[in-house]
Amino acid sequence: MARAITAKYEEMILEVETETPDTYAAICGLTDVTINRTSNIDTSEIPDCDDESLPLSLERQVRSQEVTVSATGVWALQSNEMMLDWWYSGATKNIRLRNTKAENDGEVGDTYAEAGPALLASLNNSRTKGQKVSAELEIQFDGVPTRTLVTAP
């Protein structure tokens, strides 16, 4: 039996494009990052034309797809201005989800990055006495991200 090859925590990275095009910086302080890929599905009820007394058949198809990222952690000074500037601007910024395990050890054709324009939908901070200030955010891709594939071993 072959064991699953897995990625470590530090091998899955959420990055935001900096002011320098094609240069990305990780959002510092985030300790929990969840990537959500959702297909929005339409359902149609289809009758049997030969025997309308039969139950309708359900047929489904994907209407749209979306990718969102939610993350929590501590509020790190290293990302303070980048994140506040992004939220207050309301601008679309390029982000990248990078799996360095797949990038370095994956097979040719494996996806190692998903990137594209995104919006910072929410940016929340909270404080609890005796604890560090925490952060919670949600990023929504504007469209479906572009996948980057491993091209050489």
N, C-alpha and C. Protein backbone atom coordinates (compact mmCIF):
# COMPACT_ATOMS: atom_id res chain seq x y z
N MET A 1 0.84 -1.17 0.00
CA MET A 1 0.00 0.00 0.00
C MET A 1 0.90 1.24 0.00
N ALA A 2 0.59 2.19 -0.87
CA ALA A 2 1.36 3.42 -0.94
C ALA A 2 0.73 4.49 -0.06
N ARG A 3 1.55 5.16 0.71
CA ARG A 3 1.06 6.23 1.58
C ARG A 3 0.81 7.49 0.76
N ALA A 4 -0.16 8.25 1.19
CA ALA A 4 -0.47 9.52 0.54
C ALA A 4 0.69 10.49 0.71
N ILE A 5 0.99 11.23 -0.35
CA ILE A 5 1.97 12.30 -0.27
C ILE A 5 1.20 13.56 0.11
N THR A 6 1.61 14.21 1.17
CA THR A 6 0.87 15.35 1.69
C THR A 6 1.76 16.59 1.71
N ALA A 7 1.10 17.74 1.83
CA ALA A 7 1.82 19.01 1.93
C ALA A 7 1.81 19.47 3.38
N LYS A 8 2.89 20.12 3.79
CA LYS A 8 2.98 20.70 5.12
C LYS A 8 2.30 22.07 5.14
N TYR A 9 2.02 22.51 6.34
CA TYR A 9 1.37 23.81 6.57
C TYR A 9 2.04 24.92 5.77
N GLU A 10 3.34 25.02 5.85
CA GLU A 10 4.08 26.12 5.21
C GLU A 10 4.20 25.97 3.70
N GLU A 11 3.72 24.86 3.14
CA GLU A 11 3.80 24.65 1.70
C GLU A 11 2.56 25.13 0.95
N MET A 12 1.54 25.59 1.67
CA MET A 12 0.35 26.18 1.05
C MET A 12 0.35 27.66 1.41
N ILE A 13 0.55 28.52 0.42
CA ILE A 13 0.80 29.94 0.68
C ILE A 13 -0.24 30.81 -0.01
N LEU A 14 -0.77 31.79 0.74
CA LEU A 14 -1.67 32.81 0.21
C LEU A 14 -0.87 34.08 0.03
N GLU A 15 -0.81 34.60 -1.21
CA GLU A 15 -0.01 35.77 -1.50
C GLU A 15 -0.82 36.83 -2.22
N VAL A 16 -0.45 38.10 -2.00
CA VAL A 16 -1.08 39.24 -2.65
C VAL A 16 -0.01 39.96 -3.47
N GLU A 17 -0.40 40.38 -4.69
CA GLU A 17 0.55 41.11 -5.53
C GLU A 17 0.88 42.46 -4.89
N THR A 18 2.15 42.80 -4.85
CA THR A 18 2.59 44.07 -4.29
C THR A 18 2.45 45.16 -5.33
N GLU A 19 2.96 46.35 -5.02
CA GLU A 19 2.93 47.47 -5.97
C GLU A 19 3.82 47.19 -7.18
N THR A 20 4.76 46.24 -7.03
CA THR A 20 5.61 45.84 -8.15
C THR A 20 4.93 44.70 -8.89
N PRO A 21 4.52 44.90 -10.15
CA PRO A 21 3.82 43.84 -10.89
C PRO A 21 4.57 42.50 -10.88
N ASP A 22 3.82 41.43 -10.76
CA ASP A 22 4.34 40.06 -10.75
C ASP A 22 5.22 39.75 -9.54
N THR A 23 5.14 40.58 -8.50
CA THR A 23 5.83 40.32 -7.24
C THR A 23 4.76 40.15 -6.17
N TYR A 24 4.83 39.03 -5.45
CA TYR A 24 3.82 38.69 -4.47
C TYR A 24 4.41 38.65 -3.07
N ALA A 25 3.58 38.97 -2.09
CA ALA A 25 3.97 38.88 -0.68
C ALA A 25 2.92 38.08 0.07
N ALA A 26 3.39 37.20 0.93
CA ALA A 26 2.45 36.44 1.78
C ALA A 26 1.84 37.39 2.80
N ILE A 27 0.59 37.11 3.18
CA ILE A 27 -0.06 37.89 4.23
C ILE A 27 0.44 37.32 5.55
N CYS A 28 1.21 38.11 6.28
CA CYS A 28 1.83 37.64 7.51
C CYS A 28 0.79 37.51 8.63
N GLY A 29 0.95 36.50 9.47
CA GLY A 29 0.13 36.33 10.66
C GLY A 29 -1.03 35.37 10.52
N LEU A 30 -1.40 35.02 9.30
CA LEU A 30 -2.55 34.13 9.13
C LEU A 30 -2.15 32.70 9.47
N THR A 31 -2.89 32.09 10.38
CA THR A 31 -2.57 30.73 10.80
C THR A 31 -3.58 29.70 10.30
N ASP A 32 -4.74 30.16 9.87
CA ASP A 32 -5.76 29.27 9.31
C ASP A 32 -6.27 29.87 8.00
N VAL A 33 -6.07 29.15 6.91
CA VAL A 33 -6.52 29.62 5.60
C VAL A 33 -7.36 28.51 4.99
N THR A 34 -8.56 28.88 4.55
CA THR A 34 -9.47 27.91 3.92
C THR A 34 -9.78 28.38 2.51
N ILE A 35 -9.57 27.51 1.53
CA ILE A 35 -9.86 27.80 0.14
C ILE A 35 -11.15 27.08 -0.22
N ASN A 36 -12.14 27.84 -0.67
CA ASN A 36 -13.44 27.27 -1.01
C ASN A 36 -13.66 27.35 -2.52
N ARG A 37 -13.87 26.21 -3.14
CA ARG A 37 -14.18 26.14 -4.57
C ARG A 37 -15.61 25.63 -4.67
N THR A 38 -16.49 26.47 -5.23
CA THR A 38 -17.92 26.15 -5.23
C THR A 38 -18.47 26.19 -6.66
N SER A 39 -19.22 25.16 -7.01
CA SER A 39 -19.99 25.16 -8.26
C SER A 39 -21.44 25.45 -7.91
N ASN A 40 -22.00 26.47 -8.56
CA ASN A 40 -23.41 26.79 -8.40
C ASN A 40 -24.17 25.99 -9.45
N ILE A 41 -25.08 25.16 -8.99
CA ILE A 41 -25.71 24.16 -9.87
C ILE A 41 -27.19 24.46 -10.04
N ASP A 42 -27.63 24.41 -11.29
CA ASP A 42 -29.05 24.53 -11.62
C ASP A 42 -29.64 23.13 -11.79
N THR A 43 -30.89 22.98 -11.38
CA THR A 43 -31.59 21.70 -11.49
C THR A 43 -32.86 21.91 -12.32
N SER A 44 -33.09 21.01 -13.28
CA SER A 44 -34.30 21.05 -14.10
C SER A 44 -35.04 19.73 -13.95
N GLU A 45 -36.37 19.81 -13.87
CA GLU A 45 -37.19 18.60 -13.83
C GLU A 45 -37.61 18.25 -15.25
N ILE A 46 -37.32 17.02 -15.66
CA ILE A 46 -37.54 16.58 -17.03
C ILE A 46 -38.60 15.47 -17.04
N PRO A 47 -39.70 15.68 -17.79
CA PRO A 47 -40.74 14.65 -17.83
C PRO A 47 -40.38 13.52 -18.81
N ASP A 48 -41.04 12.39 -18.62
CA ASP A 48 -40.96 11.28 -19.57
C ASP A 48 -42.03 11.54 -20.61
N CYS A 49 -41.67 11.72 -21.86
CA CYS A 49 -42.64 12.07 -22.90
C CYS A 49 -43.56 10.90 -23.27
N ASP A 50 -43.11 9.67 -23.04
CA ASP A 50 -43.94 8.52 -23.37
C ASP A 50 -44.93 8.19 -22.26
N ASP A 51 -44.58 8.49 -21.00
CA ASP A 51 -45.46 8.17 -19.87
C ASP A 51 -45.35 9.29 -18.84
N GLU A 52 -46.23 10.27 -18.97
CA GLU A 52 -46.18 11.44 -18.09
C GLU A 52 -46.55 11.12 -16.64
N SER A 53 -47.05 9.89 -16.40
CA SER A 53 -47.37 9.52 -15.02
C SER A 53 -46.12 9.16 -14.22
N LEU A 54 -45.01 8.94 -14.89
CA LEU A 54 -43.76 8.61 -14.21
C LEU A 54 -43.21 9.84 -13.50
N PRO A 55 -42.47 9.60 -12.42
CA PRO A 55 -41.83 10.73 -11.74
C PRO A 55 -40.90 11.47 -12.70
N LEU A 56 -40.76 12.75 -12.47
CA LEU A 56 -39.86 13.55 -13.28
C LEU A 56 -38.42 13.16 -12.97
N SER A 57 -37.58 13.29 -13.96
CA SER A 57 -36.16 13.04 -13.78
C SER A 57 -35.48 14.38 -13.50
N LEU A 58 -34.49 14.37 -12.62
CA LEU A 58 -33.75 15.59 -12.32
C LEU A 58 -32.45 15.61 -13.10
N GLU A 59 -32.20 16.71 -13.80
CA GLU A 59 -30.94 16.89 -14.51
C GLU A 59 -30.29 18.15 -13.97
N ARG A 60 -28.99 18.08 -13.81
CA ARG A 60 -28.24 19.19 -13.22
C ARG A 60 -27.09 19.60 -14.13
N GLN A 61 -26.77 20.91 -14.03
CA GLN A 61 -25.59 21.40 -14.74
C GLN A 61 -25.00 22.57 -13.97
N VAL A 62 -23.71 22.75 -14.12
CA VAL A 62 -23.02 23.85 -13.45
C VAL A 62 -23.36 25.15 -14.17
N ARG A 63 -23.88 26.11 -13.41
CA ARG A 63 -24.20 27.44 -13.95
C ARG A 63 -23.00 28.37 -13.81
N SER A 64 -22.31 28.30 -12.68
CA SER A 64 -21.16 29.17 -12.44
C SER A 64 -20.26 28.54 -11.39
N GLN A 65 -19.04 29.05 -11.33
CA GLN A 65 -18.09 28.57 -10.34
C GLN A 65 -17.44 29.77 -9.66
N GLU A 66 -17.09 29.59 -8.39
CA GLU A 66 -16.41 30.65 -7.67
C GLU A 66 -15.38 30.06 -6.73
N VAL A 67 -14.35 30.87 -6.46
CA VAL A 67 -13.32 30.49 -5.51
C VAL A 67 -13.19 31.63 -4.51
N THR A 68 -13.26 31.28 -3.23
CA THR A 68 -13.09 32.27 -2.18
C THR A 68 -12.06 31.76 -1.18
N VAL A 69 -11.51 32.68 -0.43
CA VAL A 69 -10.52 32.34 0.59
C VAL A 69 -10.94 33.02 1.88
N SER A 70 -11.02 32.25 2.95
CA SER A 70 -11.24 32.84 4.27
C SER A 70 -10.03 32.49 5.12
N ALA A 71 -9.66 33.44 6.00
CA ALA A 71 -8.45 33.23 6.78
C ALA A 71 -8.57 33.92 8.13
N THR A 72 -7.90 33.34 9.12
CA THR A 72 -7.83 33.93 10.46
C THR A 72 -6.41 33.81 10.98
N GLY A 73 -6.11 34.59 11.97
CA GLY A 73 -4.80 34.54 12.59
C GLY A 73 -4.59 35.76 13.45
N VAL A 74 -3.33 36.13 13.62
CA VAL A 74 -3.02 37.34 14.37
C VAL A 74 -2.82 38.50 13.39
N TRP A 75 -3.03 39.70 13.88
CA TRP A 75 -2.86 40.90 13.06
C TRP A 75 -1.39 41.29 13.12
N ALA A 76 -0.66 41.04 12.03
CA ALA A 76 0.78 41.27 11.98
C ALA A 76 1.08 42.65 11.40
N LEU A 77 1.94 43.37 12.05
CA LEU A 77 2.33 44.70 11.60
C LEU A 77 2.92 44.66 10.19
N GLN A 78 3.59 43.55 9.84
CA GLN A 78 4.21 43.43 8.51
C GLN A 78 3.19 43.55 7.38
N SER A 79 1.93 43.18 7.63
CA SER A 79 0.90 43.24 6.59
C SER A 79 -0.14 44.32 6.86
N ASN A 80 0.03 45.09 7.91
CA ASN A 80 -0.95 46.09 8.32
C ASN A 80 -1.33 47.05 7.19
N GLU A 81 -0.35 47.76 6.65
CA GLU A 81 -0.66 48.76 5.61
C GLU A 81 -1.15 48.12 4.32
N MET A 82 -0.53 47.02 3.92
CA MET A 82 -0.94 46.35 2.68
C MET A 82 -2.42 45.98 2.74
N MET A 83 -2.85 45.41 3.86
CA MET A 83 -4.23 44.94 3.97
C MET A 83 -5.20 46.12 4.14
N LEU A 84 -4.85 47.10 4.97
CA LEU A 84 -5.73 48.26 5.14
C LEU A 84 -5.85 49.06 3.85
N ASP A 85 -4.72 49.25 3.15
CA ASP A 85 -4.76 49.96 1.86
C ASP A 85 -5.67 49.23 0.87
N TRP A 86 -5.55 47.91 0.83
CA TRP A 86 -6.37 47.13 -0.09
C TRP A 86 -7.85 47.30 0.24
N TRP A 87 -8.22 47.14 1.51
CA TRP A 87 -9.62 47.22 1.87
C TRP A 87 -10.18 48.62 1.60
N TYR A 88 -9.47 49.65 2.04
CA TYR A 88 -9.99 51.02 1.88
C TYR A 88 -10.04 51.45 0.42
N SER A 89 -9.20 50.88 -0.42
CA SER A 89 -9.22 51.25 -1.85
C SER A 89 -10.41 50.63 -2.57
N GLY A 90 -10.89 49.49 -2.07
CA GLY A 90 -11.96 48.78 -2.78
C GLY A 90 -11.48 48.21 -4.11
N ALA A 91 -10.19 48.19 -4.31
CA ALA A 91 -9.60 47.78 -5.59
C ALA A 91 -9.52 46.27 -5.73
N THR A 92 -9.47 45.86 -6.96
CA THR A 92 -9.18 44.47 -7.29
C THR A 92 -7.66 44.31 -7.31
N LYS A 93 -7.16 43.29 -6.62
CA LYS A 93 -5.73 43.00 -6.62
C LYS A 93 -5.53 41.54 -7.04
N ASN A 94 -4.41 41.28 -7.63
CA ASN A 94 -4.08 39.90 -7.97
C ASN A 94 -3.62 39.17 -6.73
N ILE A 95 -4.14 37.95 -6.56
CA ILE A 95 -3.69 37.08 -5.48
C ILE A 95 -3.27 35.75 -6.07
N ARG A 96 -2.54 35.01 -5.26
CA ARG A 96 -2.06 33.70 -5.72
C ARG A 96 -2.10 32.73 -4.54
N LEU A 97 -2.65 31.56 -4.79
CA LEU A 97 -2.61 30.44 -3.86
C LEU A 97 -1.58 29.48 -4.42
N ARG A 98 -0.52 29.25 -3.66
CA ARG A 98 0.59 28.46 -4.18
C ARG A 98 0.84 27.25 -3.31
N ASN A 99 0.91 26.08 -3.94
CA ASN A 99 1.23 24.82 -3.28
C ASN A 99 2.66 24.47 -3.65
N THR A 100 3.62 24.84 -2.78
CA THR A 100 5.03 24.63 -3.12
C THR A 100 5.40 23.14 -3.16
N LYS A 101 4.64 22.30 -2.47
CA LYS A 101 4.90 20.85 -2.53
C LYS A 101 4.65 20.35 -3.95
N ALA A 102 3.52 20.75 -4.53
CA ALA A 102 3.21 20.36 -5.91
C ALA A 102 4.18 21.02 -6.89
N GLU A 103 4.54 22.28 -6.60
CA GLU A 103 5.46 23.02 -7.47
C GLU A 103 6.82 22.34 -7.55
N ASN A 104 7.31 21.85 -6.41
CA ASN A 104 8.65 21.26 -6.35
C ASN A 104 8.68 19.76 -6.56
N ASP A 105 7.64 19.06 -6.15
CA ASP A 105 7.65 17.60 -6.19
C ASP A 105 6.54 16.99 -7.03
N GLY A 106 5.69 17.83 -7.64
CA GLY A 106 4.56 17.32 -8.39
C GLY A 106 4.94 16.76 -9.75
N GLU A 107 4.01 16.09 -10.34
CA GLU A 107 4.19 15.53 -11.67
C GLU A 107 3.89 16.60 -12.72
N VAL A 108 4.45 16.43 -13.92
CA VAL A 108 4.14 17.34 -15.01
C VAL A 108 2.63 17.36 -15.22
N GLY A 109 2.05 18.54 -15.29
CA GLY A 109 0.61 18.69 -15.46
C GLY A 109 -0.16 18.93 -14.17
N ASP A 110 0.50 18.78 -13.01
CA ASP A 110 -0.15 19.05 -11.73
C ASP A 110 -0.30 20.56 -11.53
N THR A 111 -1.41 20.98 -10.95
CA THR A 111 -1.61 22.39 -10.62
C THR A 111 -0.81 22.72 -9.37
N TYR A 112 -0.03 23.79 -9.42
CA TYR A 112 0.67 24.23 -8.21
C TYR A 112 0.29 25.66 -7.81
N ALA A 113 -0.43 26.37 -8.66
CA ALA A 113 -0.86 27.72 -8.28
C ALA A 113 -2.20 28.04 -8.92
N GLU A 114 -2.99 28.83 -8.19
CA GLU A 114 -4.24 29.39 -8.70
C GLU A 114 -4.13 30.89 -8.47
N ALA A 115 -4.27 31.67 -9.53
CA ALA A 115 -4.04 33.11 -9.39
C ALA A 115 -5.04 33.89 -10.23
N GLY A 116 -5.27 35.13 -9.79
CA GLY A 116 -6.14 36.01 -10.56
C GLY A 116 -6.58 37.20 -9.74
N PRO A 117 -7.37 38.06 -10.36
CA PRO A 117 -7.86 39.24 -9.66
C PRO A 117 -8.86 38.86 -8.58
N ALA A 118 -8.80 39.60 -7.46
CA ALA A 118 -9.69 39.29 -6.34
C ALA A 118 -10.01 40.56 -5.57
N LEU A 119 -11.08 40.47 -4.80
CA LEU A 119 -11.53 41.56 -3.94
C LEU A 119 -11.41 41.14 -2.49
N LEU A 120 -11.02 42.07 -1.64
CA LEU A 120 -10.99 41.84 -0.21
C LEU A 120 -12.39 42.15 0.32
N ALA A 121 -13.20 41.11 0.47
CA ALA A 121 -14.62 41.28 0.81
C ALA A 121 -14.82 41.69 2.26
N SER A 122 -13.99 41.18 3.16
CA SER A 122 -14.11 41.59 4.56
C SER A 122 -12.74 41.52 5.23
N LEU A 123 -12.55 42.42 6.18
CA LEU A 123 -11.32 42.49 6.95
C LEU A 123 -11.70 42.88 8.37
N ASN A 124 -11.56 41.94 9.29
CA ASN A 124 -12.01 42.15 10.67
C ASN A 124 -10.87 41.95 11.64
N ASN A 125 -10.88 42.75 12.69
CA ASN A 125 -9.93 42.60 13.78
C ASN A 125 -10.70 42.51 15.08
N SER A 126 -10.13 41.79 16.04
CA SER A 126 -10.73 41.76 17.38
C SER A 126 -9.62 41.66 18.41
N ARG A 127 -9.97 42.10 19.60
CA ARG A 127 -9.00 42.04 20.69
C ARG A 127 -9.64 41.40 21.90
N THR A 128 -8.85 40.64 22.63
CA THR A 128 -9.26 40.02 23.88
C THR A 128 -8.15 40.27 24.87
N LYS A 129 -8.50 40.75 26.04
CA LYS A 129 -7.48 41.05 27.05
C LYS A 129 -6.60 39.83 27.28
N GLY A 130 -5.31 40.08 27.27
CA GLY A 130 -4.34 39.01 27.48
C GLY A 130 -3.95 38.28 26.20
N GLN A 131 -4.61 38.60 25.09
CA GLN A 131 -4.32 37.93 23.81
C GLN A 131 -3.80 38.95 22.80
N LYS A 132 -3.22 38.47 21.74
CA LYS A 132 -2.80 39.33 20.64
C LYS A 132 -4.03 39.72 19.83
N VAL A 133 -3.96 40.84 19.14
CA VAL A 133 -5.06 41.26 18.26
C VAL A 133 -5.18 40.23 17.14
N SER A 134 -6.40 39.82 16.84
CA SER A 134 -6.61 38.79 15.82
C SER A 134 -7.14 39.42 14.53
N ALA A 135 -7.05 38.65 13.47
CA ALA A 135 -7.51 39.08 12.15
C ALA A 135 -8.39 37.99 11.55
N GLU A 136 -9.37 38.42 10.78
CA GLU A 136 -10.24 37.51 10.04
C GLU A 136 -10.56 38.21 8.72
N LEU A 137 -10.41 37.49 7.61
CA LEU A 137 -10.66 38.12 6.31
C LEU A 137 -11.29 37.14 5.35
N GLU A 138 -11.92 37.71 4.32
CA GLU A 138 -12.45 36.92 3.22
C GLU A 138 -12.07 37.59 1.92
N ILE A 139 -11.54 36.79 1.01
CA ILE A 139 -11.13 37.25 -0.32
C ILE A 139 -11.97 36.49 -1.34
N GLN A 140 -12.48 37.20 -2.34
CA GLN A 140 -13.28 36.58 -3.39
C GLN A 140 -12.62 36.84 -4.73
N PHE A 141 -12.31 35.76 -5.46
CA PHE A 141 -11.77 35.92 -6.81
C PHE A 141 -12.83 36.58 -7.69
N ASP A 142 -12.38 37.47 -8.58
CA ASP A 142 -13.24 38.08 -9.59
C ASP A 142 -13.13 37.21 -10.83
N GLY A 143 -13.99 36.20 -10.91
CA GLY A 143 -13.88 35.19 -11.96
C GLY A 143 -13.18 33.96 -11.40
N VAL A 144 -12.97 33.00 -12.25
CA VAL A 144 -12.30 31.76 -11.84
C VAL A 144 -10.80 31.97 -12.01
N PRO A 145 -10.00 31.62 -11.00
CA PRO A 145 -8.55 31.83 -11.12
C PRO A 145 -7.92 30.99 -12.22
N THR A 146 -6.77 31.47 -12.68
CA THR A 146 -5.98 30.75 -13.67
C THR A 146 -5.09 29.75 -12.95
N ARG A 147 -5.06 28.54 -13.46
CA ARG A 147 -4.22 27.49 -12.87
C ARG A 147 -2.86 27.47 -13.56
N THR A 148 -1.80 27.33 -12.77
CA THR A 148 -0.45 27.19 -13.30
C THR A 148 0.00 25.75 -13.04
N LEU A 149 0.50 25.12 -14.08
CA LEU A 149 0.85 23.70 -14.02
C LEU A 149 2.35 23.47 -14.00
N VAL A 150 2.74 22.38 -13.37
CA VAL A 150 4.13 21.95 -13.39
C VAL A 150 4.47 21.57 -14.83
N THR A 151 5.58 22.13 -15.36
CA THR A 151 5.93 21.84 -16.74
C THR A 151 7.16 20.95 -16.87
N ALA A 152 7.96 20.86 -15.82
CA ALA A 152 9.14 20.00 -15.86
C ALA A 152 9.37 19.41 -14.46
N PRO A 153 9.85 18.16 -14.42
CA PRO A 153 10.10 17.54 -13.11
C PRO A 153 11.27 18.18 -12.39
